[in-house]
Amino acid sequence: MTEAKIRTEIPPVVLHTRPALDMDEEQFFEFCRLNRDWRIERTADGDLEIMPPTGGETGNRNLKIALQLGQWTERDGTGVAFDSSTGFVLPNGATRSPDASWVRRERLQTLSAEQKSKFPPLSPDFVVELRSPSDPLATVEAKLREYIENGARLGWLIDPETRRAHIHRPNEPVQVLEDPDSLSGDPVLPGFILDLRRIWETGL
């Protein structure tokens, strides 16, 4: 008999703020800075989604994804990679923090120094969301669609529990891969290959 997966991570807490409280971008940035122990996102409707720190397995997998993306980024040189603590203000007004992301350097050069030091007002070119044990699949899929609708050119939803990878691209149906060994970032990230064998097994 297969042992059931124990879901230990805590789902996000959603706080509805409008119309009682409507923070502008500066106020929201300061709110997140004052509560830096929490990962806080904001929906296009102004709702706050507060996520506690991840569990050990998810944190280990996040690190492995970030390391691989970071190493390729250093070699390639055409863009900048970001980890899960970076927030981006999307064109629809939402502030999101993908588990890993990458932005073309030429786009970052159009931002002011102040914009770069806070939540950059753009959608990354490439995003990765790693599904944790507490995440409903539909919720994570909706995030990927939001990134693509706001300008991302490639998005990966990686689901360790089912060993599936959901590939999102503009104007294309979602492609679901069953237990792939790797994912290719071409042509958005030329030459980037994510080794998923390191992600499926955490070694914990």
N, C-alpha and C. Protein backbone atom coordinates (compact mmCIF):
# COMPACT_ATOMS: atom_id res chain seq x y z
N MET A 1 0.84 -1.20 0.00
CA MET A 1 0.00 0.00 0.00
C MET A 1 0.88 1.25 0.00
N THR A 2 0.56 2.22 -0.88
CA THR A 2 1.34 3.45 -0.96
C THR A 2 1.01 4.37 0.21
N GLU A 3 2.06 4.85 0.85
CA GLU A 3 1.86 5.74 2.00
C GLU A 3 1.38 7.10 1.52
N ALA A 4 0.36 7.62 2.16
CA ALA A 4 -0.18 8.92 1.77
C ALA A 4 0.82 10.03 2.05
N LYS A 5 0.85 11.01 1.18
CA LYS A 5 1.73 12.16 1.35
C LYS A 5 1.24 13.02 2.52
N ILE A 6 2.13 13.30 3.46
CA ILE A 6 1.77 14.13 4.61
C ILE A 6 1.95 15.59 4.23
N ARG A 7 0.87 16.35 4.32
CA ARG A 7 0.94 17.77 3.97
C ARG A 7 1.19 18.59 5.24
N THR A 8 2.42 19.05 5.37
CA THR A 8 2.83 19.72 6.59
C THR A 8 2.92 21.24 6.45
N GLU A 9 3.02 21.75 5.25
CA GLU A 9 3.19 23.18 5.07
C GLU A 9 1.86 23.90 5.24
N ILE A 10 1.95 25.15 5.66
CA ILE A 10 0.76 25.93 5.99
C ILE A 10 0.34 26.76 4.77
N PRO A 11 -0.93 26.72 4.39
CA PRO A 11 -1.38 27.51 3.23
C PRO A 11 -1.34 29.00 3.54
N PRO A 12 -1.33 29.85 2.51
CA PRO A 12 -1.29 31.30 2.74
C PRO A 12 -2.51 31.80 3.50
N VAL A 13 -2.29 32.86 4.27
CA VAL A 13 -3.38 33.58 4.91
C VAL A 13 -3.76 34.76 4.01
N VAL A 14 -5.03 34.90 3.69
CA VAL A 14 -5.49 35.97 2.80
C VAL A 14 -6.17 37.05 3.63
N LEU A 15 -5.70 38.28 3.48
CA LEU A 15 -6.28 39.42 4.17
C LEU A 15 -6.92 40.35 3.15
N HIS A 16 -8.21 40.61 3.30
CA HIS A 16 -8.91 41.56 2.42
C HIS A 16 -8.75 42.96 3.02
N THR A 17 -8.25 43.88 2.24
CA THR A 17 -7.92 45.21 2.76
C THR A 17 -8.80 46.34 2.23
N ARG A 18 -9.26 46.22 1.00
CA ARG A 18 -10.03 47.32 0.40
C ARG A 18 -11.52 47.15 0.70
N PRO A 19 -12.24 48.26 0.93
CA PRO A 19 -11.82 49.67 0.86
C PRO A 19 -11.30 50.23 2.18
N ALA A 20 -11.24 49.42 3.24
CA ALA A 20 -10.81 49.94 4.54
C ALA A 20 -9.37 50.42 4.52
N LEU A 21 -8.51 49.71 3.76
CA LEU A 21 -7.09 50.05 3.70
C LEU A 21 -6.61 49.84 2.27
N ASP A 22 -6.04 50.88 1.70
CA ASP A 22 -5.55 50.81 0.33
C ASP A 22 -4.14 51.37 0.29
N MET A 23 -3.14 50.51 0.43
CA MET A 23 -1.75 50.94 0.45
C MET A 23 -1.24 51.23 -0.95
N ASP A 24 -0.49 52.32 -1.09
CA ASP A 24 0.18 52.56 -2.36
C ASP A 24 1.45 51.71 -2.41
N GLU A 25 2.20 51.79 -3.50
CA GLU A 25 3.37 50.93 -3.67
C GLU A 25 4.41 51.18 -2.59
N GLU A 26 4.63 52.43 -2.22
CA GLU A 26 5.62 52.77 -1.18
C GLU A 26 5.20 52.19 0.16
N GLN A 27 3.93 52.33 0.50
CA GLN A 27 3.44 51.82 1.78
C GLN A 27 3.49 50.29 1.82
N PHE A 28 3.16 49.66 0.71
CA PHE A 28 3.20 48.20 0.68
C PHE A 28 4.64 47.70 0.80
N PHE A 29 5.58 48.37 0.16
CA PHE A 29 6.98 47.98 0.27
C PHE A 29 7.44 48.08 1.72
N GLU A 30 7.08 49.17 2.41
CA GLU A 30 7.46 49.34 3.81
C GLU A 30 6.78 48.29 4.70
N PHE A 31 5.52 47.95 4.37
CA PHE A 31 4.81 46.92 5.11
C PHE A 31 5.56 45.59 5.00
N CYS A 32 6.01 45.24 3.81
CA CYS A 32 6.75 43.99 3.61
C CYS A 32 8.11 44.05 4.30
N ARG A 33 8.74 45.22 4.28
CA ARG A 33 10.05 45.35 4.93
C ARG A 33 9.93 45.18 6.44
N LEU A 34 8.85 45.69 7.03
CA LEU A 34 8.64 45.56 8.46
C LEU A 34 8.28 44.14 8.87
N ASN A 35 7.79 43.36 7.89
CA ASN A 35 7.39 41.97 8.16
C ASN A 35 8.22 41.03 7.29
N ARG A 36 9.51 41.21 7.33
CA ARG A 36 10.41 40.50 6.41
C ARG A 36 10.49 39.00 6.67
N ASP A 37 9.99 38.54 7.82
CA ASP A 37 10.00 37.09 8.09
C ASP A 37 8.92 36.36 7.31
N TRP A 38 8.03 37.12 6.67
CA TRP A 38 6.94 36.53 5.90
C TRP A 38 7.10 36.88 4.42
N ARG A 39 6.68 35.97 3.59
CA ARG A 39 6.64 36.25 2.15
C ARG A 39 5.24 36.74 1.84
N ILE A 40 5.14 37.98 1.40
CA ILE A 40 3.84 38.62 1.22
C ILE A 40 3.65 39.00 -0.24
N GLU A 41 2.54 38.57 -0.81
CA GLU A 41 2.18 38.97 -2.17
C GLU A 41 0.87 39.75 -2.11
N ARG A 42 0.60 40.51 -3.16
CA ARG A 42 -0.64 41.28 -3.23
C ARG A 42 -1.31 41.01 -4.57
N THR A 43 -2.60 40.69 -4.53
CA THR A 43 -3.33 40.42 -5.76
C THR A 43 -3.69 41.73 -6.46
N ALA A 44 -4.17 41.61 -7.69
CA ALA A 44 -4.59 42.80 -8.44
C ALA A 44 -5.75 43.51 -7.75
N ASP A 45 -6.52 42.79 -6.92
CA ASP A 45 -7.64 43.38 -6.19
C ASP A 45 -7.23 43.98 -4.85
N GLY A 46 -5.94 43.88 -4.51
CA GLY A 46 -5.45 44.46 -3.27
C GLY A 46 -5.42 43.52 -2.08
N ASP A 47 -5.86 42.26 -2.25
CA ASP A 47 -5.80 41.30 -1.14
C ASP A 47 -4.35 40.93 -0.86
N LEU A 48 -4.02 40.77 0.42
CA LEU A 48 -2.68 40.36 0.82
C LEU A 48 -2.66 38.86 1.05
N GLU A 49 -1.68 38.19 0.47
CA GLU A 49 -1.49 36.75 0.67
C GLU A 49 -0.19 36.57 1.45
N ILE A 50 -0.32 36.12 2.69
CA ILE A 50 0.82 36.03 3.59
C ILE A 50 1.22 34.57 3.75
N MET A 51 2.46 34.27 3.36
CA MET A 51 2.94 32.90 3.36
C MET A 51 4.05 32.73 4.38
N PRO A 52 3.94 31.76 5.26
CA PRO A 52 5.00 31.50 6.23
C PRO A 52 6.22 30.90 5.55
N PRO A 53 7.34 30.77 6.24
CA PRO A 53 8.51 30.12 5.65
C PRO A 53 8.18 28.71 5.17
N THR A 54 8.89 28.27 4.13
CA THR A 54 8.62 26.96 3.56
C THR A 54 9.18 25.84 4.43
N GLY A 55 8.70 24.63 4.19
CA GLY A 55 9.25 23.46 4.85
C GLY A 55 10.60 23.08 4.25
N GLY A 56 11.25 22.12 4.88
CA GLY A 56 12.60 21.76 4.47
C GLY A 56 12.71 21.26 3.04
N GLU A 57 11.80 20.38 2.61
CA GLU A 57 11.89 19.82 1.26
C GLU A 57 11.69 20.91 0.21
N THR A 58 10.69 21.76 0.41
CA THR A 58 10.44 22.83 -0.57
C THR A 58 11.60 23.81 -0.60
N GLY A 59 12.13 24.16 0.57
CA GLY A 59 13.26 25.08 0.61
C GLY A 59 14.48 24.53 -0.09
N ASN A 60 14.74 23.24 0.07
CA ASN A 60 15.87 22.60 -0.58
C ASN A 60 15.70 22.59 -2.09
N ARG A 61 14.48 22.30 -2.55
CA ARG A 61 14.23 22.28 -4.00
C ARG A 61 14.32 23.69 -4.58
N ASN A 62 13.80 24.68 -3.86
CA ASN A 62 13.91 26.06 -4.32
C ASN A 62 15.37 26.46 -4.52
N LEU A 63 16.20 26.09 -3.56
CA LEU A 63 17.62 26.43 -3.65
C LEU A 63 18.26 25.78 -4.86
N LYS A 64 17.94 24.52 -5.13
CA LYS A 64 18.54 23.83 -6.27
C LYS A 64 18.13 24.47 -7.59
N ILE A 65 16.87 24.93 -7.68
CA ILE A 65 16.43 25.61 -8.89
C ILE A 65 17.17 26.93 -9.05
N ALA A 66 17.25 27.71 -7.95
CA ALA A 66 17.92 29.01 -8.01
C ALA A 66 19.40 28.86 -8.36
N LEU A 67 20.05 27.85 -7.82
CA LEU A 67 21.47 27.64 -8.12
C LEU A 67 21.69 27.36 -9.59
N GLN A 68 20.87 26.49 -10.16
CA GLN A 68 21.04 26.16 -11.58
C GLN A 68 20.77 27.37 -12.46
N LEU A 69 19.71 28.12 -12.14
CA LEU A 69 19.40 29.31 -12.93
C LEU A 69 20.50 30.35 -12.77
N GLY A 70 21.00 30.52 -11.55
CA GLY A 70 22.05 31.50 -11.30
C GLY A 70 23.34 31.18 -12.04
N GLN A 71 23.72 29.91 -12.05
CA GLN A 71 24.95 29.51 -12.75
C GLN A 71 24.84 29.78 -14.24
N TRP A 72 23.68 29.44 -14.83
CA TRP A 72 23.50 29.72 -16.26
C TRP A 72 23.52 31.23 -16.53
N THR A 73 22.87 32.00 -15.65
CA THR A 73 22.81 33.45 -15.83
C THR A 73 24.19 34.07 -15.83
N GLU A 74 25.07 33.61 -14.94
CA GLU A 74 26.44 34.14 -14.90
C GLU A 74 27.19 33.84 -16.19
N ARG A 75 26.96 32.67 -16.73
CA ARG A 75 27.64 32.31 -17.98
C ARG A 75 27.07 33.09 -19.16
N ASP A 76 25.75 33.24 -19.19
CA ASP A 76 25.08 33.86 -20.34
C ASP A 76 25.28 35.37 -20.39
N GLY A 77 25.03 36.05 -19.29
CA GLY A 77 25.30 37.48 -19.20
C GLY A 77 24.26 38.41 -19.77
N THR A 78 23.18 37.89 -20.39
CA THR A 78 22.21 38.79 -21.02
C THR A 78 21.09 39.22 -20.09
N GLY A 79 21.04 38.63 -18.90
CA GLY A 79 19.96 38.97 -17.98
C GLY A 79 20.38 38.82 -16.54
N VAL A 80 19.40 39.00 -15.65
CA VAL A 80 19.63 38.93 -14.21
C VAL A 80 18.63 37.94 -13.61
N ALA A 81 19.11 37.07 -12.74
CA ALA A 81 18.26 36.09 -12.07
C ALA A 81 17.90 36.57 -10.67
N PHE A 82 16.74 36.14 -10.18
CA PHE A 82 16.25 36.55 -8.86
C PHE A 82 15.73 35.33 -8.11
N ASP A 83 15.84 35.40 -6.76
CA ASP A 83 15.34 34.30 -5.94
C ASP A 83 13.92 34.60 -5.49
N SER A 84 13.40 33.74 -4.60
CA SER A 84 11.99 33.82 -4.21
C SER A 84 11.65 34.99 -3.31
N SER A 85 12.65 35.72 -2.83
CA SER A 85 12.37 36.86 -1.96
C SER A 85 12.12 38.15 -2.73
N THR A 86 12.23 38.11 -4.06
CA THR A 86 12.08 39.31 -4.88
C THR A 86 10.63 39.49 -5.33
N GLY A 87 10.09 40.67 -5.07
CA GLY A 87 8.74 40.99 -5.52
C GLY A 87 8.77 41.80 -6.80
N PHE A 88 7.78 41.59 -7.66
CA PHE A 88 7.63 42.35 -8.90
C PHE A 88 6.22 42.92 -8.96
N VAL A 89 6.10 44.18 -9.31
CA VAL A 89 4.80 44.79 -9.50
C VAL A 89 4.39 44.58 -10.96
N LEU A 90 3.39 43.74 -11.17
CA LEU A 90 2.95 43.41 -12.52
C LEU A 90 2.10 44.55 -13.10
N PRO A 91 1.97 44.61 -14.42
CA PRO A 91 1.15 45.66 -15.03
C PRO A 91 -0.29 45.70 -14.53
N ASN A 92 -0.85 44.57 -14.05
CA ASN A 92 -2.23 44.57 -13.54
C ASN A 92 -2.34 45.07 -12.10
N GLY A 93 -1.19 45.45 -11.50
CA GLY A 93 -1.20 45.99 -10.14
C GLY A 93 -0.87 44.98 -9.06
N ALA A 94 -0.83 43.68 -9.40
CA ALA A 94 -0.47 42.66 -8.42
C ALA A 94 1.03 42.72 -8.13
N THR A 95 1.42 42.34 -6.92
CA THR A 95 2.83 42.19 -6.57
C THR A 95 3.08 40.71 -6.28
N ARG A 96 3.93 40.10 -7.08
CA ARG A 96 4.17 38.67 -6.99
C ARG A 96 5.65 38.38 -6.78
N SER A 97 5.91 37.25 -6.12
CA SER A 97 7.28 36.80 -5.85
C SER A 97 7.44 35.36 -6.35
N PRO A 98 7.81 35.18 -7.61
CA PRO A 98 7.99 33.81 -8.11
C PRO A 98 9.14 33.11 -7.38
N ASP A 99 9.13 31.80 -7.37
CA ASP A 99 10.17 31.05 -6.68
C ASP A 99 11.54 31.26 -7.31
N ALA A 100 11.58 31.50 -8.59
CA ALA A 100 12.80 31.89 -9.30
C ALA A 100 12.36 32.67 -10.53
N SER A 101 13.21 33.59 -10.97
CA SER A 101 12.83 34.40 -12.13
C SER A 101 14.06 34.97 -12.80
N TRP A 102 13.84 35.48 -14.01
CA TRP A 102 14.93 36.02 -14.81
C TRP A 102 14.37 37.16 -15.66
N VAL A 103 15.15 38.24 -15.77
CA VAL A 103 14.74 39.41 -16.56
C VAL A 103 15.89 39.82 -17.47
N ARG A 104 15.58 40.12 -18.72
CA ARG A 104 16.59 40.61 -19.65
C ARG A 104 17.21 41.90 -19.13
N ARG A 105 18.51 41.99 -19.23
CA ARG A 105 19.24 43.15 -18.69
C ARG A 105 18.77 44.46 -19.33
N GLU A 106 18.45 44.42 -20.61
CA GLU A 106 18.04 45.64 -21.30
C GLU A 106 16.74 46.20 -20.73
N ARG A 107 15.87 45.35 -20.20
CA ARG A 107 14.63 45.83 -19.59
C ARG A 107 14.92 46.46 -18.23
N LEU A 108 15.83 45.88 -17.48
CA LEU A 108 16.17 46.44 -16.18
C LEU A 108 16.85 47.80 -16.31
N GLN A 109 17.55 48.00 -17.41
CA GLN A 109 18.26 49.26 -17.60
C GLN A 109 17.31 50.44 -17.80
N THR A 110 16.04 50.17 -18.10
CA THR A 110 15.07 51.26 -18.27
C THR A 110 14.51 51.72 -16.92
N LEU A 111 14.80 51.00 -15.83
CA LEU A 111 14.28 51.35 -14.52
C LEU A 111 15.21 52.32 -13.80
N SER A 112 14.63 53.13 -12.92
CA SER A 112 15.44 54.03 -12.11
C SER A 112 16.12 53.26 -10.98
N ALA A 113 17.10 53.87 -10.34
CA ALA A 113 17.79 53.24 -9.22
C ALA A 113 16.81 52.92 -8.09
N GLU A 114 15.85 53.82 -7.86
CA GLU A 114 14.86 53.60 -6.81
C GLU A 114 13.96 52.41 -7.14
N GLN A 115 13.55 52.31 -8.40
CA GLN A 115 12.70 51.19 -8.81
C GLN A 115 13.42 49.86 -8.65
N LYS A 116 14.71 49.84 -8.94
CA LYS A 116 15.48 48.61 -8.80
C LYS A 116 15.66 48.23 -7.34
N SER A 117 15.71 49.21 -6.44
CA SER A 117 15.95 48.93 -5.04
C SER A 117 14.70 48.45 -4.32
N LYS A 118 13.54 48.62 -4.95
CA LYS A 118 12.28 48.19 -4.33
C LYS A 118 11.70 47.04 -5.15
N PHE A 119 10.39 47.02 -5.38
CA PHE A 119 9.80 45.96 -6.19
C PHE A 119 9.80 46.43 -7.65
N PRO A 120 10.62 45.85 -8.52
CA PRO A 120 10.67 46.31 -9.91
C PRO A 120 9.28 46.27 -10.56
N PRO A 121 8.89 47.36 -11.22
CA PRO A 121 7.56 47.41 -11.86
C PRO A 121 7.55 46.76 -13.24
N LEU A 122 7.62 45.45 -13.25
CA LEU A 122 7.57 44.70 -14.51
C LEU A 122 7.32 43.23 -14.20
N SER A 123 6.93 42.51 -15.23
CA SER A 123 6.82 41.06 -15.11
C SER A 123 8.10 40.44 -15.64
N PRO A 124 8.68 39.48 -14.91
CA PRO A 124 9.89 38.83 -15.42
C PRO A 124 9.65 38.18 -16.78
N ASP A 125 10.73 38.01 -17.53
CA ASP A 125 10.63 37.30 -18.80
C ASP A 125 10.40 35.81 -18.57
N PHE A 126 10.94 35.31 -17.46
CA PHE A 126 10.88 33.88 -17.15
C PHE A 126 10.60 33.70 -15.67
N VAL A 127 9.67 32.80 -15.34
CA VAL A 127 9.32 32.55 -13.94
C VAL A 127 9.24 31.05 -13.68
N VAL A 128 9.53 30.67 -12.44
CA VAL A 128 9.35 29.30 -11.98
C VAL A 128 8.52 29.33 -10.71
N GLU A 129 7.51 28.50 -10.64
CA GLU A 129 6.76 28.29 -9.40
C GLU A 129 6.87 26.82 -9.03
N LEU A 130 7.31 26.56 -7.81
CA LEU A 130 7.44 25.20 -7.31
C LEU A 130 6.25 24.92 -6.40
N ARG A 131 5.46 23.93 -6.77
CA ARG A 131 4.27 23.63 -5.98
C ARG A 131 4.67 22.96 -4.67
N SER A 132 4.26 23.57 -3.56
CA SER A 132 4.53 22.99 -2.25
C SER A 132 3.38 22.07 -1.85
N PRO A 133 3.54 21.25 -0.80
CA PRO A 133 2.48 20.31 -0.42
C PRO A 133 1.14 20.97 -0.09
N SER A 134 1.14 22.26 0.27
CA SER A 134 -0.11 22.91 0.66
C SER A 134 -0.78 23.66 -0.48
N ASP A 135 -0.14 23.74 -1.65
CA ASP A 135 -0.65 24.56 -2.74
C ASP A 135 -1.68 23.82 -3.59
N PRO A 136 -2.92 24.31 -3.69
CA PRO A 136 -3.84 23.74 -4.68
C PRO A 136 -3.30 23.98 -6.09
N LEU A 137 -3.36 22.97 -6.93
CA LEU A 137 -2.81 23.10 -8.28
C LEU A 137 -3.45 24.26 -9.03
N ALA A 138 -4.76 24.44 -8.89
CA ALA A 138 -5.46 25.51 -9.61
C ALA A 138 -4.93 26.88 -9.23
N THR A 139 -4.55 27.05 -7.97
CA THR A 139 -4.04 28.34 -7.50
C THR A 139 -2.69 28.65 -8.15
N VAL A 140 -1.82 27.65 -8.21
CA VAL A 140 -0.50 27.88 -8.81
C VAL A 140 -0.63 28.08 -10.32
N GLU A 141 -1.52 27.32 -10.96
CA GLU A 141 -1.75 27.51 -12.39
C GLU A 141 -2.23 28.93 -12.68
N ALA A 142 -3.11 29.45 -11.81
CA ALA A 142 -3.62 30.81 -12.00
C ALA A 142 -2.48 31.83 -11.93
N LYS A 143 -1.51 31.60 -11.04
CA LYS A 143 -0.35 32.50 -10.95
C LYS A 143 0.44 32.48 -12.25
N LEU A 144 0.67 31.28 -12.78
CA LEU A 144 1.42 31.19 -14.04
C LEU A 144 0.70 31.93 -15.16
N ARG A 145 -0.63 31.77 -15.23
CA ARG A 145 -1.39 32.48 -16.26
C ARG A 145 -1.27 33.99 -16.07
N GLU A 146 -1.28 34.42 -14.82
CA GLU A 146 -1.16 35.86 -14.55
C GLU A 146 0.18 36.40 -15.03
N TYR A 147 1.26 35.66 -14.78
CA TYR A 147 2.56 36.10 -15.26
C TYR A 147 2.57 36.23 -16.78
N ILE A 148 2.06 35.21 -17.47
CA ILE A 148 2.06 35.22 -18.94
C ILE A 148 1.20 36.36 -19.47
N GLU A 149 0.03 36.56 -18.87
CA GLU A 149 -0.86 37.64 -19.31
C GLU A 149 -0.26 39.01 -19.09
N ASN A 150 0.70 39.11 -18.18
CA ASN A 150 1.32 40.40 -17.87
C ASN A 150 2.70 40.56 -18.48
N GLY A 151 3.08 39.66 -19.38
CA GLY A 151 4.30 39.88 -20.15
C GLY A 151 5.39 38.84 -20.06
N ALA A 152 5.26 37.85 -19.18
CA ALA A 152 6.27 36.79 -19.13
C ALA A 152 6.25 36.00 -20.43
N ARG A 153 7.43 35.57 -20.87
CA ARG A 153 7.52 34.83 -22.13
C ARG A 153 7.63 33.32 -21.92
N LEU A 154 7.91 32.91 -20.68
CA LEU A 154 8.01 31.49 -20.37
C LEU A 154 7.79 31.30 -18.87
N GLY A 155 6.97 30.31 -18.52
CA GLY A 155 6.74 30.01 -17.12
C GLY A 155 6.69 28.51 -16.89
N TRP A 156 7.33 28.07 -15.81
CA TRP A 156 7.33 26.66 -15.45
C TRP A 156 6.66 26.46 -14.10
N LEU A 157 5.71 25.56 -14.04
CA LEU A 157 5.14 25.11 -12.79
C LEU A 157 5.68 23.70 -12.55
N ILE A 158 6.45 23.54 -11.50
CA ILE A 158 7.08 22.26 -11.20
C ILE A 158 6.38 21.64 -9.99
N ASP A 159 5.89 20.42 -10.18
CA ASP A 159 5.10 19.74 -9.15
C ASP A 159 5.82 18.46 -8.72
N PRO A 160 6.60 18.53 -7.63
CA PRO A 160 7.36 17.34 -7.21
C PRO A 160 6.48 16.16 -6.80
N GLU A 161 5.29 16.44 -6.27
CA GLU A 161 4.44 15.36 -5.79
C GLU A 161 3.99 14.44 -6.91
N THR A 162 3.67 15.02 -8.08
CA THR A 162 3.24 14.23 -9.23
C THR A 162 4.35 14.03 -10.26
N ARG A 163 5.48 14.69 -10.03
CA ARG A 163 6.60 14.67 -10.97
C ARG A 163 6.16 15.13 -12.36
N ARG A 164 5.42 16.22 -12.37
CA ARG A 164 4.99 16.83 -13.62
C ARG A 164 5.51 18.26 -13.72
N ALA A 165 5.72 18.69 -14.94
CA ALA A 165 6.11 20.07 -15.22
C ALA A 165 5.10 20.66 -16.19
N HIS A 166 4.55 21.80 -15.83
CA HIS A 166 3.56 22.49 -16.65
C HIS A 166 4.25 23.69 -17.31
N ILE A 167 4.28 23.70 -18.63
CA ILE A 167 4.99 24.73 -19.37
C ILE A 167 3.98 25.75 -19.92
N HIS A 168 4.17 27.00 -19.54
CA HIS A 168 3.28 28.08 -19.98
C HIS A 168 4.03 29.02 -20.92
N ARG A 169 3.42 29.30 -22.07
CA ARG A 169 3.95 30.26 -23.03
C ARG A 169 2.80 31.12 -23.56
N PRO A 170 3.10 32.35 -24.00
CA PRO A 170 2.03 33.19 -24.54
C PRO A 170 1.38 32.57 -25.77
N ASN A 171 0.06 32.65 -25.81
CA ASN A 171 -0.72 32.22 -26.98
C ASN A 171 -0.54 30.75 -27.33
N GLU A 172 -0.18 29.93 -26.34
CA GLU A 172 -0.06 28.50 -26.56
C GLU A 172 -0.75 27.75 -25.43
N PRO A 173 -1.30 26.56 -25.73
CA PRO A 173 -1.88 25.76 -24.64
C PRO A 173 -0.80 25.30 -23.68
N VAL A 174 -1.18 25.07 -22.44
CA VAL A 174 -0.23 24.60 -21.43
C VAL A 174 0.24 23.19 -21.80
N GLN A 175 1.54 22.99 -21.76
CA GLN A 175 2.12 21.68 -22.05
C GLN A 175 2.49 21.01 -20.73
N VAL A 176 2.00 19.80 -20.50
CA VAL A 176 2.27 19.07 -19.27
C VAL A 176 3.19 17.90 -19.59
N LEU A 177 4.35 17.86 -18.94
CA LEU A 177 5.32 16.80 -19.15
C LEU A 177 5.30 15.85 -17.96
N GLU A 178 5.28 14.56 -18.23
CA GLU A 178 5.23 13.54 -17.19
C GLU A 178 6.65 13.07 -16.83
N ASP A 179 7.05 13.31 -15.61
CA ASP A 179 8.32 12.85 -15.06
C ASP A 179 9.51 13.15 -15.98
N PRO A 180 9.67 14.41 -16.41
CA PRO A 180 10.82 14.73 -17.28
C PRO A 180 12.12 14.76 -16.47
N ASP A 181 13.22 14.44 -17.11
CA ASP A 181 14.53 14.53 -16.47
C ASP A 181 15.06 15.96 -16.46
N SER A 182 14.59 16.77 -17.44
CA SER A 182 15.10 18.13 -17.55
C SER A 182 14.09 18.99 -18.30
N LEU A 183 14.31 20.31 -18.22
CA LEU A 183 13.51 21.27 -18.96
C LEU A 183 14.45 22.22 -19.70
N SER A 184 14.11 22.56 -20.92
CA SER A 184 14.91 23.49 -21.72
C SER A 184 14.28 24.87 -21.73
N GLY A 185 15.09 25.91 -21.51
CA GLY A 185 14.61 27.28 -21.52
C GLY A 185 14.60 27.90 -22.91
N ASP A 186 15.07 27.19 -23.93
CA ASP A 186 15.09 27.74 -25.29
C ASP A 186 13.69 28.08 -25.77
N PRO A 187 13.51 29.14 -26.54
CA PRO A 187 14.53 30.11 -26.96
C PRO A 187 14.63 31.32 -26.02
N VAL A 188 13.78 31.39 -24.98
CA VAL A 188 13.80 32.55 -24.09
C VAL A 188 15.10 32.62 -23.31
N LEU A 189 15.57 31.47 -22.82
CA LEU A 189 16.84 31.37 -22.10
C LEU A 189 17.73 30.40 -22.88
N PRO A 190 18.41 30.85 -23.92
CA PRO A 190 19.15 29.95 -24.80
C PRO A 190 20.21 29.15 -24.05
N GLY A 191 20.11 27.85 -24.18
CA GLY A 191 21.11 26.98 -23.57
C GLY A 191 20.86 26.62 -22.12
N PHE A 192 19.81 27.17 -21.51
CA PHE A 192 19.55 26.84 -20.11
C PHE A 192 18.80 25.52 -20.01
N ILE A 193 19.36 24.57 -19.27
CA ILE A 193 18.73 23.28 -19.03
C ILE A 193 18.61 23.10 -17.51
N LEU A 194 17.39 22.93 -17.03
CA LEU A 194 17.17 22.66 -15.62
C LEU A 194 17.14 21.16 -15.41
N ASP A 195 18.06 20.66 -14.59
CA ASP A 195 18.13 19.23 -14.29
C ASP A 195 17.09 18.92 -13.21
N LEU A 196 16.00 18.30 -13.61
CA LEU A 196 14.92 18.00 -12.67
C LEU A 196 15.21 16.78 -11.80
N ARG A 197 16.17 15.97 -12.18
CA ARG A 197 16.50 14.82 -11.34
C ARG A 197 16.97 15.29 -9.97
N ARG A 198 17.61 16.45 -9.93
CA ARG A 198 18.05 17.02 -8.65
C ARG A 198 16.89 17.61 -7.85
N ILE A 199 15.81 17.92 -8.54
CA ILE A 199 14.66 18.53 -7.88
C ILE A 199 13.72 17.47 -7.33
N TRP A 200 13.51 16.39 -8.08
CA TRP A 200 12.59 15.36 -7.62
C TRP A 200 13.05 14.75 -6.29
N GLU A 201 14.37 14.57 -6.14
CA GLU A 201 14.91 13.98 -4.91
C GLU A 201 15.60 15.08 -4.12
N THR A 202 15.14 15.31 -2.88
CA THR A 202 15.75 16.38 -2.08
C THR A 202 16.98 15.92 -1.31
N GLY A 203 17.09 14.64 -1.02
CA GLY A 203 18.22 14.16 -0.25
C GLY A 203 18.06 14.38 1.25
N LEU A 204 16.87 14.81 1.68
CA LEU A 204 16.65 15.01 3.11
C LEU A 204 16.31 13.69 3.79
